[in-house]
PDB file of N, CA and C in Angstrom:
ATOM      1  N   MET A   1     -40.435  35.536 -21.171  1.00  0.00           N
ATOM      2  CA  MET A   1     -41.862  35.603 -20.985  1.00  0.00           C
ATOM      3  C   MET A   1     -42.532  34.408 -21.652  1.00  0.00           C
ATOM      4  N   SER A   2     -43.297  33.694 -20.898  1.00  0.00           N
ATOM      5  CA  SER A   2     -43.992  32.556 -21.503  1.00  0.00           C
ATOM      6  C   SER A   2     -45.466  32.896 -21.647  1.00  0.00           C
ATOM      7  N   GLY A   3     -45.935  32.794 -22.859  1.00  0.00           N
ATOM      8  CA  GLY A   3     -47.333  33.095 -23.118  1.00  0.00           C
ATOM      9  C   GLY A   3     -48.174  31.848 -23.043  1.00  0.00           C
ATOM     10  N   PRO A   4     -49.466  32.016 -23.296  1.00  0.00           N
ATOM     11  CA  PRO A   4     -50.370  30.863 -23.251  1.00  0.00           C
ATOM     12  C   PRO A   4     -49.980  29.769 -24.247  1.00  0.00           C
ATOM     13  N   SER A   5     -49.456  30.159 -25.410  1.00  0.00           N
ATOM     14  CA  SER A   5     -49.090  29.130 -26.387  1.00  0.00           C
ATOM     15  C   SER A   5     -47.886  28.321 -25.906  1.00  0.00           C
ATOM     16  N   ASP A   6     -46.960  28.977 -25.179  1.00  0.00           N
ATOM     17  CA  ASP A   6     -45.823  28.243 -24.611  1.00  0.00           C
ATOM     18  C   ASP A   6     -46.294  27.253 -23.557  1.00  0.00           C
ATOM     19  N   GLU A   7     -47.223  27.677 -22.732  1.00  0.00           N
ATOM     20  CA  GLU A   7     -47.766  26.788 -21.698  1.00  0.00           C
ATOM     21  C   GLU A   7     -48.523  25.625 -22.335  1.00  0.00           C
ATOM     22  N   TYR A   8     -49.257  25.927 -23.399  1.00  0.00           N
ATOM     23  CA  TYR A   8     -50.002  24.885 -24.102  1.00  0.00           C
ATOM     24  C   TYR A   8     -49.045  23.858 -24.705  1.00  0.00           C
ATOM     25  N   ALA A   9     -47.992  24.339 -25.362  1.00  0.00           N
ATOM     26  CA  ALA A   9     -47.013  23.435 -25.971  1.00  0.00           C
ATOM     27  C   ALA A   9     -46.314  22.597 -24.902  1.00  0.00           C
ATOM     28  N   HIS A  10     -45.993  23.224 -23.777  1.00  0.00           N
ATOM     29  CA  HIS A  10     -45.356  22.483 -22.683  1.00  0.00           C
ATOM     30  C   HIS A  10     -46.306  21.403 -22.155  1.00  0.00           C
ATOM     31  N   GLY A  11     -47.577  21.739 -22.030  1.00  0.00           N
ATOM     32  CA  GLY A  11     -48.579  20.769 -21.582  1.00  0.00           C
ATOM     33  C   GLY A  11     -48.723  19.608 -22.553  1.00  0.00           C
ATOM     34  N   ARG A  12     -48.672  19.914 -23.837  1.00  0.00           N
ATOM     35  CA  ARG A  12     -48.752  18.841 -24.839  1.00  0.00           C
ATOM     36  C   ARG A  12     -47.550  17.914 -24.744  1.00  0.00           C
ATOM     37  N   ARG A  13     -46.370  18.489 -24.556  1.00  0.00           N
ATOM     38  CA  ARG A  13     -45.164  17.661 -24.411  1.00  0.00           C
ATOM     39  C   ARG A  13     -45.256  16.808 -23.148  1.00  0.00           C
ATOM     40  N   ASP A  14     -45.765  17.397 -22.069  1.00  0.00           N
ATOM     41  CA  ASP A  14     -45.935  16.626 -20.830  1.00  0.00           C
ATOM     42  C   ASP A  14     -46.901  15.467 -21.038  1.00  0.00           C
ATOM     43  N   GLY A  15     -47.963  15.716 -21.791  1.00  0.00           N
ATOM     44  CA  GLY A  15     -48.929  14.659 -22.081  1.00  0.00           C
ATOM     45  C   GLY A  15     -48.307  13.520 -22.876  1.00  0.00           C
ATOM     46  N   LEU A  16     -47.474  13.873 -23.852  1.00  0.00           N
ATOM     47  CA  LEU A  16     -46.795  12.837 -24.634  1.00  0.00           C
ATOM     48  C   LEU A  16     -45.811  12.059 -23.772  1.00  0.00           C
ATOM     49  N   ARG A  17     -45.136  12.752 -22.862  1.00  0.00           N
ATOM     50  CA  ARG A  17     -44.203  12.056 -21.966  1.00  0.00           C
ATOM     51  C   ARG A  17     -44.944  11.087 -21.052  1.00  0.00           C
ATOM     52  N   LEU A  18     -46.101  11.494 -20.576  1.00  0.00           N
ATOM     53  CA  LEU A  18     -46.916  10.612 -19.742  1.00  0.00           C
ATOM     54  C   LEU A  18     -47.355   9.387 -20.547  1.00  0.00           C
ATOM     55  N   ALA A  19     -47.785   9.618 -21.771  1.00  0.00           N
ATOM     56  CA  ALA A  19     -48.187   8.499 -22.630  1.00  0.00           C
ATOM     57  C   ALA A  19     -47.014   7.554 -22.877  1.00  0.00           C
ATOM     58  N   LEU A  20     -45.812   8.109 -23.073  1.00  0.00           N
ATOM     59  CA  LEU A  20     -44.624   7.268 -23.254  1.00  0.00           C
ATOM     60  C   LEU A  20     -44.346   6.427 -22.018  1.00  0.00           C
ATOM     61  N   ALA A  21     -44.513   7.022 -20.853  1.00  0.00           N
ATOM     62  CA  ALA A  21     -44.276   6.285 -19.602  1.00  0.00           C
ATOM     63  C   ALA A  21     -45.265   5.135 -19.455  1.00  0.00           C
ATOM     64  N   ILE A  22     -46.518   5.397 -19.785  1.00  0.00           N
ATOM     65  CA  ILE A  22     -47.547   4.356 -19.696  1.00  0.00           C
ATOM     66  C   ILE A  22     -47.245   3.229 -20.684  1.00  0.00           C
ATOM     67  N   LEU A  23     -46.887   3.599 -21.912  1.00  0.00           N
ATOM     68  CA  LEU A  23     -46.559   2.581 -22.912  1.00  0.00           C
ATOM     69  C   LEU A  23     -45.326   1.779 -22.517  1.00  0.00           C
ATOM     70  N   ALA A  24     -44.345   2.433 -21.921  1.00  0.00           N
ATOM     71  CA  ALA A  24     -43.136   1.720 -21.487  1.00  0.00           C
ATOM     72  C   ALA A  24     -43.477   0.689 -20.417  1.00  0.00           C
ATOM     73  N   ALA A  25     -44.363   1.054 -19.502  1.00  0.00           N
ATOM     74  CA  ALA A  25     -44.767   0.114 -18.451  1.00  0.00           C
ATOM     75  C   ALA A  25     -45.534  -1.069 -19.047  1.00  0.00           C
ATOM     76  N   GLU A  26     -46.433  -0.792 -19.964  1.00  0.00           N
ATOM     77  CA  GLU A  26     -47.197  -1.865 -20.614  1.00  0.00           C
ATOM     78  C   GLU A  26     -46.279  -2.764 -21.441  1.00  0.00           C
ATOM     79  N   GLU A  27     -45.341  -2.147 -22.147  1.00  0.00           N
ATOM     80  CA  GLU A  27     -44.413  -2.921 -22.970  1.00  0.00           C
ATOM     81  C   GLU A  27     -43.566  -3.848 -22.105  1.00  0.00           C
ATOM     82  N   ALA A  28     -43.140  -3.368 -20.958  1.00  0.00           N
ATOM     83  CA  ALA A  28     -42.351  -4.197 -20.036  1.00  0.00           C
ATOM     84  C   ALA A  28     -43.183  -5.372 -19.521  1.00  0.00           C
ATOM     85  N   LYS A  29     -44.461  -5.107 -19.256  1.00  0.00           N
ATOM     86  CA  LYS A  29     -45.346  -6.177 -18.779  1.00  0.00           C
ATOM     87  C   LYS A  29     -45.480  -7.274 -19.834  1.00  0.00           C
ATOM     88  N   TRP A  30     -45.708  -6.885 -21.080  1.00  0.00           N
ATOM     89  CA  TRP A  30     -45.881  -7.874 -22.140  1.00  0.00           C
ATOM     90  C   TRP A  30     -44.571  -8.550 -22.487  1.00  0.00           C
ATOM     91  N   ALA A  31     -43.458  -7.842 -22.378  1.00  0.00           N
ATOM     92  CA  ALA A  31     -42.144  -8.449 -22.658  1.00  0.00           C
ATOM     93  C   ALA A  31     -41.875  -9.603 -21.695  1.00  0.00           C
ATOM     94  N   ALA A  32     -42.282  -9.435 -20.448  1.00  0.00           N
ATOM     95  CA  ALA A  32     -42.073 -10.487 -19.446  1.00  0.00           C
ATOM     96  C   ALA A  32     -42.927 -11.724 -19.732  1.00  0.00           C
ATOM     97  N   LEU A  33     -44.033 -11.546 -20.432  1.00  0.00           N
ATOM     98  CA  LEU A  33     -44.946 -12.660 -20.697  1.00  0.00           C
ATOM     99  C   LEU A  33     -44.686 -13.376 -22.024  1.00  0.00           C
ATOM    100  N   LEU A  34     -43.773 -12.837 -22.833  1.00  0.00           N
ATOM    101  CA  LEU A  34     -43.527 -13.433 -24.150  1.00  0.00           C
ATOM    102  C   LEU A  34     -43.024 -14.867 -24.017  1.00  0.00           C
ATOM    103  N   GLY A  35     -43.693 -15.771 -24.723  1.00  0.00           N
ATOM    104  CA  GLY A  35     -43.277 -17.166 -24.747  1.00  0.00           C
ATOM    105  C   GLY A  35     -43.573 -17.954 -23.486  1.00  0.00           C
ATOM    106  N   GLU A  36     -44.293 -17.397 -22.543  1.00  0.00           N
ATOM    107  CA  GLU A  36     -44.551 -18.066 -21.263  1.00  0.00           C
ATOM    108  C   GLU A  36     -45.702 -19.069 -21.325  1.00  0.00           C
ATOM    109  N   SER A  37     -46.604 -18.880 -22.266  1.00  0.00           N
ATOM    110  CA  SER A  37     -47.772 -19.755 -22.341  1.00  0.00           C
ATOM    111  C   SER A  37     -47.461 -21.012 -23.158  1.00  0.00           C
ATOM    112  N   ARG A  38     -48.160 -22.091 -22.846  1.00  0.00           N
ATOM    113  CA  ARG A  38     -48.023 -23.317 -23.641  1.00  0.00           C
ATOM    114  C   ARG A  38     -48.816 -23.206 -24.938  1.00  0.00           C
ATOM    115  N   SER A  39     -49.742 -22.262 -24.983  1.00  0.00           N
ATOM    116  CA  SER A  39     -50.572 -22.083 -26.173  1.00  0.00           C
ATOM    117  C   SER A  39     -49.861 -21.169 -27.185  1.00  0.00           C
ATOM    118  N   TRP A  40     -49.698 -21.656 -28.401  1.00  0.00           N
ATOM    119  CA  TRP A  40     -49.036 -20.843 -29.426  1.00  0.00           C
ATOM    120  C   TRP A  40     -49.865 -19.621 -29.769  1.00  0.00           C
ATOM    121  N   ARG A  41     -51.184 -19.771 -29.699  1.00  0.00           N
ATOM    122  CA  ARG A  41     -52.068 -18.656 -30.036  1.00  0.00           C
ATOM    123  C   ARG A  41     -51.925 -17.522 -29.024  1.00  0.00           C
ATOM    124  N   THR A  42     -51.848 -17.873 -27.746  1.00  0.00           N
ATOM    125  CA  THR A  42     -51.647 -16.869 -26.698  1.00  0.00           C
ATOM    126  C   THR A  42     -50.293 -16.194 -26.873  1.00  0.00           C
ATOM    127  N   ASN A  43     -49.267 -16.987 -27.150  1.00  0.00           N
ATOM    128  CA  ASN A  43     -47.929 -16.421 -27.360  1.00  0.00           C
ATOM    129  C   ASN A  43     -47.902 -15.480 -28.560  1.00  0.00           C
ATOM    130  N   GLN A  44     -48.609 -15.863 -29.613  1.00  0.00           N
ATOM    131  CA  GLN A  44     -48.663 -15.023 -30.806  1.00  0.00           C
ATOM    132  C   GLN A  44     -49.372 -13.702 -30.497  1.00  0.00           C
ATOM    133  N   THR A  45     -50.460 -13.760 -29.759  1.00  0.00           N
ATOM    134  CA  THR A  45     -51.190 -12.554 -29.374  1.00  0.00           C
ATOM    135  C   THR A  45     -50.313 -11.641 -28.524  1.00  0.00           C
ATOM    136  N   ARG A  46     -49.570 -12.228 -27.606  1.00  0.00           N
ATOM    137  CA  ARG A  46     -48.674 -11.437 -26.754  1.00  0.00           C
ATOM    138  C   ARG A  46     -47.576 -10.769 -27.576  1.00  0.00           C
ATOM    139  N   GLU A  47     -47.036 -11.481 -28.553  1.00  0.00           N
ATOM    140  CA  GLU A  47     -46.007 -10.902 -29.413  1.00  0.00           C
ATOM    141  C   GLU A  47     -46.558  -9.726 -30.211  1.00  0.00           C
ATOM    142  N   ILE A  48     -47.778  -9.876 -30.705  1.00  0.00           N
ATOM    143  CA  ILE A  48     -48.408  -8.804 -31.473  1.00  0.00           C
ATOM    144  C   ILE A  48     -48.645  -7.587 -30.585  1.00  0.00           C
ATOM    145  N   ARG A  49     -49.151  -7.797 -29.380  1.00  0.00           N
ATOM    146  CA  ARG A  49     -49.368  -6.679 -28.456  1.00  0.00           C
ATOM    147  C   ARG A  49     -48.054  -5.992 -28.116  1.00  0.00           C
ATOM    148  N   HIS A  50     -47.027  -6.784 -27.873  1.00  0.00           N
ATOM    149  CA  HIS A  50     -45.710  -6.239 -27.540  1.00  0.00           C
ATOM    150  C   HIS A  50     -45.185  -5.376 -28.686  1.00  0.00           C
ATOM    151  N   LYS A  51     -45.276  -5.876 -29.912  1.00  0.00           N
ATOM    152  CA  LYS A  51     -44.801  -5.129 -31.081  1.00  0.00           C
ATOM    153  C   LYS A  51     -45.633  -3.868 -31.287  1.00  0.00           C
ATOM    154  N   THR A  52     -46.937  -3.953 -31.073  1.00  0.00           N
ATOM    155  CA  THR A  52     -47.808  -2.791 -31.214  1.00  0.00           C
ATOM    156  C   THR A  52     -47.405  -1.695 -30.238  1.00  0.00           C
ATOM    157  N   LEU A  53     -47.095  -2.074 -29.008  1.00  0.00           N
ATOM    158  CA  LEU A  53     -46.660  -1.091 -28.016  1.00  0.00           C
ATOM    159  C   LEU A  53     -45.324  -0.467 -28.406  1.00  0.00           C
ATOM    160  N   GLN A  54     -44.422  -1.254 -28.971  1.00  0.00           N
ATOM    161  CA  GLN A  54     -43.139  -0.709 -29.417  1.00  0.00           C
ATOM    162  C   GLN A  54     -43.330   0.296 -30.552  1.00  0.00           C
ATOM    163  N   VAL A  55     -44.214  -0.012 -31.485  1.00  0.00           N
ATOM    164  CA  VAL A  55     -44.494   0.897 -32.596  1.00  0.00           C
ATOM    165  C   VAL A  55     -45.124   2.186 -32.067  1.00  0.00           C
ATOM    166  N   ALA A  56     -46.061   2.061 -31.138  1.00  0.00           N
ATOM    167  CA  ALA A  56     -46.707   3.242 -30.560  1.00  0.00           C
ATOM    168  C   ALA A  56     -45.692   4.123 -29.840  1.00  0.00           C
ATOM    169  N   GLN A  57     -44.758   3.513 -29.120  1.00  0.00           N
ATOM    170  CA  GLN A  57     -43.712   4.288 -28.449  1.00  0.00           C
ATOM    171  C   GLN A  57     -42.881   5.061 -29.465  1.00  0.00           C
ATOM    172  N   GLY A  58     -42.527   4.418 -30.537  1.00  0.00           N
ATOM    173  CA  GLY A  58     -41.744   5.082 -31.581  1.00  0.00           C
ATOM    174  C   GLY A  58     -42.486   6.255 -32.186  1.00  0.00           C
ATOM    175  N   ARG A  59     -43.769   6.084 -32.411  1.00  0.00           N
ATOM    176  CA  ARG A  59     -44.570   7.173 -32.990  1.00  0.00           C
ATOM    177  C   ARG A  59     -44.703   8.340 -32.020  1.00  0.00           C
ATOM    178  N   LEU A  60     -44.880   8.036 -30.737  1.00  0.00           N
ATOM    179  CA  LEU A  60     -44.953   9.111 -29.747  1.00  0.00           C
ATOM    180  C   LEU A  60     -43.622   9.841 -29.624  1.00  0.00           C
ATOM    181  N   GLN A  61     -42.524   9.104 -29.685  1.00  0.00           N
ATOM    182  CA  GLN A  61     -41.205   9.745 -29.625  1.00  0.00           C
ATOM    183  C   GLN A  61     -41.007  10.670 -30.820  1.00  0.00           C
ATOM    184  N   THR A  62     -41.444  10.236 -31.991  1.00  0.00           N
ATOM    185  CA  THR A  62     -41.341  11.069 -33.185  1.00  0.00           C
ATOM    186  C   THR A  62     -42.178  12.332 -33.026  1.00  0.00           C
ATOM    187  N   ALA A  63     -43.397  12.195 -32.535  1.00  0.00           N
ATOM    188  CA  ALA A  63     -44.258  13.360 -32.324  1.00  0.00           C
ATOM    189  C   ALA A  63     -43.647  14.311 -31.306  1.00  0.00           C
ATOM    190  N   LEU A  64     -43.088  13.770 -30.246  1.00  0.00           N
ATOM    191  CA  LEU A  64     -42.465  14.598 -29.213  1.00  0.00           C
ATOM    192  C   LEU A  64     -41.264  15.351 -29.783  1.00  0.00           C
ATOM    193  N   LYS A  65     -40.466  14.689 -30.595  1.00  0.00           N
ATOM    194  CA  LYS A  65     -39.310  15.357 -31.213  1.00  0.00           C
ATOM    195  C   LYS A  65     -39.754  16.471 -32.148  1.00  0.00           C
ATOM    196  N   ARG A  66     -40.832  16.255 -32.868  1.00  0.00           N
ATOM    197  CA  ARG A  66     -41.340  17.284 -33.785  1.00  0.00           C
ATOM    198  C   ARG A  66     -41.892  18.483 -33.034  1.00  0.00           C
ATOM    199  N   MET A  67     -42.430  18.257 -31.853  1.00  0.00           N
ATOM    200  CA  MET A  67     -43.012  19.346 -31.059  1.00  0.00           C
ATOM    201  C   MET A  67     -41.964  20.121 -30.273  1.00  0.00           C
ATOM    202  N   THR A  68     -40.791  19.546 -30.106  1.00  0.00           N
ATOM    203  CA  THR A  68     -39.747  20.182 -29.316  1.00  0.00           C
ATOM    204  C   THR A  68     -39.068  21.259 -30.150  1.00  0.00           C
ATOM    205  N   PRO A  69     -38.994  22.485 -29.626  1.00  0.00           N
ATOM    206  CA  PRO A  69     -38.311  23.553 -30.365  1.00  0.00           C
ATOM    207  C   PRO A  69     -36.848  23.190 -30.620  1.00  0.00           C
ATOM    208  N   LYS A  70     -36.342  23.632 -31.757  1.00  0.00           N
ATOM    209  CA  LYS A  70     -34.963  23.318 -32.126  1.00  0.00           C
ATOM    210  C   LYS A  70     -33.965  24.065 -31.246  1.00  0.00           C
ATOM    211  N   THR A  71     -34.368  25.212 -30.711  1.00  0.00           N
ATOM    212  CA  THR A  71     -33.483  25.988 -29.847  1.00  0.00           C
ATOM    213  C   THR A  71     -34.047  26.002 -28.441  1.00  0.00           C
ATOM    214  N   GLY A  72     -33.202  26.247 -27.510  1.00  0.00           N
ATOM    215  CA  GLY A  72     -33.665  26.331 -26.130  1.00  0.00           C
ATOM    216  C   GLY A  72     -33.052  25.242 -25.285  1.00  0.00           C
ATOM    217  N   ASP A  73     -32.128  25.628 -24.442  1.00  0.00           N
ATOM    218  CA  ASP A  73     -31.434  24.676 -23.582  1.00  0.00           C
ATOM    219  C   ASP A  73     -32.378  24.064 -22.547  1.00  0.00           C
ATOM    220  N   THR A  74     -33.357  24.849 -22.082  1.00  0.00           N
ATOM    221  CA  THR A  74     -34.290  24.366 -21.070  1.00  0.00           C
ATOM    222  C   THR A  74     -35.093  23.187 -21.595  1.00  0.00           C
ATOM    223  N   VAL A  75     -35.574  23.304 -22.810  1.00  0.00           N
ATOM    224  CA  VAL A  75     -36.395  22.245 -23.384  1.00  0.00           C
ATOM    225  C   VAL A  75     -35.568  20.981 -23.590  1.00  0.00           C
ATOM    226  N   SER A  76     -34.333  21.116 -24.072  1.00  0.00           N
ATOM    227  CA  SER A  76     -33.529  19.923 -24.305  1.00  0.00           C
ATOM    228  C   SER A  76     -33.152  19.244 -22.991  1.00  0.00           C
ATOM    229  N   ARG A  77     -32.905  20.020 -21.937  1.00  0.00           N
ATOM    230  CA  ARG A  77     -32.651  19.407 -20.633  1.00  0.00           C
ATOM    231  C   ARG A  77     -33.905  18.711 -20.131  1.00  0.00           C
ATOM    232  N   GLU A  78     -35.049  19.375 -20.320  1.00  0.00           N
ATOM    233  CA  GLU A  78     -36.342  18.818 -19.904  1.00  0.00           C
ATOM    234  C   GLU A  78     -36.614  17.515 -20.648  1.00  0.00           C
ATOM    235  N   LEU A  79     -36.389  17.514 -21.936  1.00  0.00           N
ATOM    236  CA  LEU A  79     -36.616  16.323 -22.752  1.00  0.00           C
ATOM    237  C   LEU A  79     -35.639  15.212 -22.382  1.00  0.00           C
ATOM    238  N   GLY A  80     -34.383  15.563 -22.194  1.00  0.00           N
ATOM    239  CA  GLY A  80     -33.378  14.573 -21.817  1.00  0.00           C
ATOM    240  C   GLY A  80     -33.695  13.908 -20.495  1.00  0.00           C
ATOM    241  N   ALA A  81     -34.129  14.709 -19.526  1.00  0.00           N
ATOM    242  CA  ALA A  81     -34.479  14.156 -18.218  1.00  0.00           C
ATOM    243  C   ALA A  81     -35.675  13.210 -18.326  1.00  0.00           C
ATOM    244  N   ALA A  82     -36.667  13.591 -19.130  1.00  0.00           N
ATOM    245  CA  ALA A  82     -37.853  12.749 -19.285  1.00  0.00           C
ATOM    246  C   ALA A  82     -37.506  11.436 -19.984  1.00  0.00           C
ATOM    247  N   LEU A  83     -36.679  11.498 -21.020  1.00  0.00           N
ATOM    248  CA  LEU A  83     -36.303  10.279 -21.737  1.00  0.00           C
ATOM    249  C   LEU A  83     -35.416   9.383 -20.881  1.00  0.00           C
ATOM    250  N   ASP A  84     -34.529   9.984 -20.082  1.00  0.00           N
ATOM    251  CA  ASP A  84     -33.705   9.188 -19.163  1.00  0.00           C
ATOM    252  C   ASP A  84     -34.567   8.479 -18.133  1.00  0.00           C
ATOM    253  N   LYS A  85     -35.586   9.176 -17.670  1.00  0.00           N
ATOM    254  CA  LYS A  85     -36.491   8.598 -16.673  1.00  0.00           C
ATOM    255  C   LYS A  85     -37.202   7.369 -17.239  1.00  0.00           C
ATOM    256  N   LEU A  86     -37.510   7.437 -18.535  1.00  0.00           N
ATOM    257  CA  LEU A  86     -38.185   6.321 -19.198  1.00  0.00           C
ATOM    258  C   LEU A  86     -37.209   5.236 -19.627  1.00  0.00           C
ATOM    259  N   GLY A  87     -35.930   5.553 -19.589  1.00  0.00           N
ATOM    260  CA  GLY A  87     -34.929   4.584 -20.006  1.00  0.00           C
ATOM    261  C   GLY A  87     -34.800   4.477 -21.511  1.00  0.00           C
ATOM    262  N   LEU A  88     -35.090   5.569 -22.208  1.00  0.00           N
ATOM    263  CA  LEU A  88     -35.025   5.547 -23.682  1.00  0.00           C
ATOM    264  C   LEU A  88     -33.820   6.283 -24.189  1.00  0.00           C
TER     265      LEU A  88
END
């Protein structure tokens, strides 16, 4: 039986997974642009943005792991599938 709190927790995990997917796409975009400009200032800004996105991904992954119940095969399969989809 899944109650409202289970649905809420599942929704929160889905939201974090969506945020991870968005950050992964942005990180890939900035990774492709690293070092491409002739301007050192632009390259430095791109490196900072890229690193910021990597840190944000790590923090979201930590939050997602903390929200995931320690027991439950369904949740671990769900989490594994989502992380595989993101390539993490």
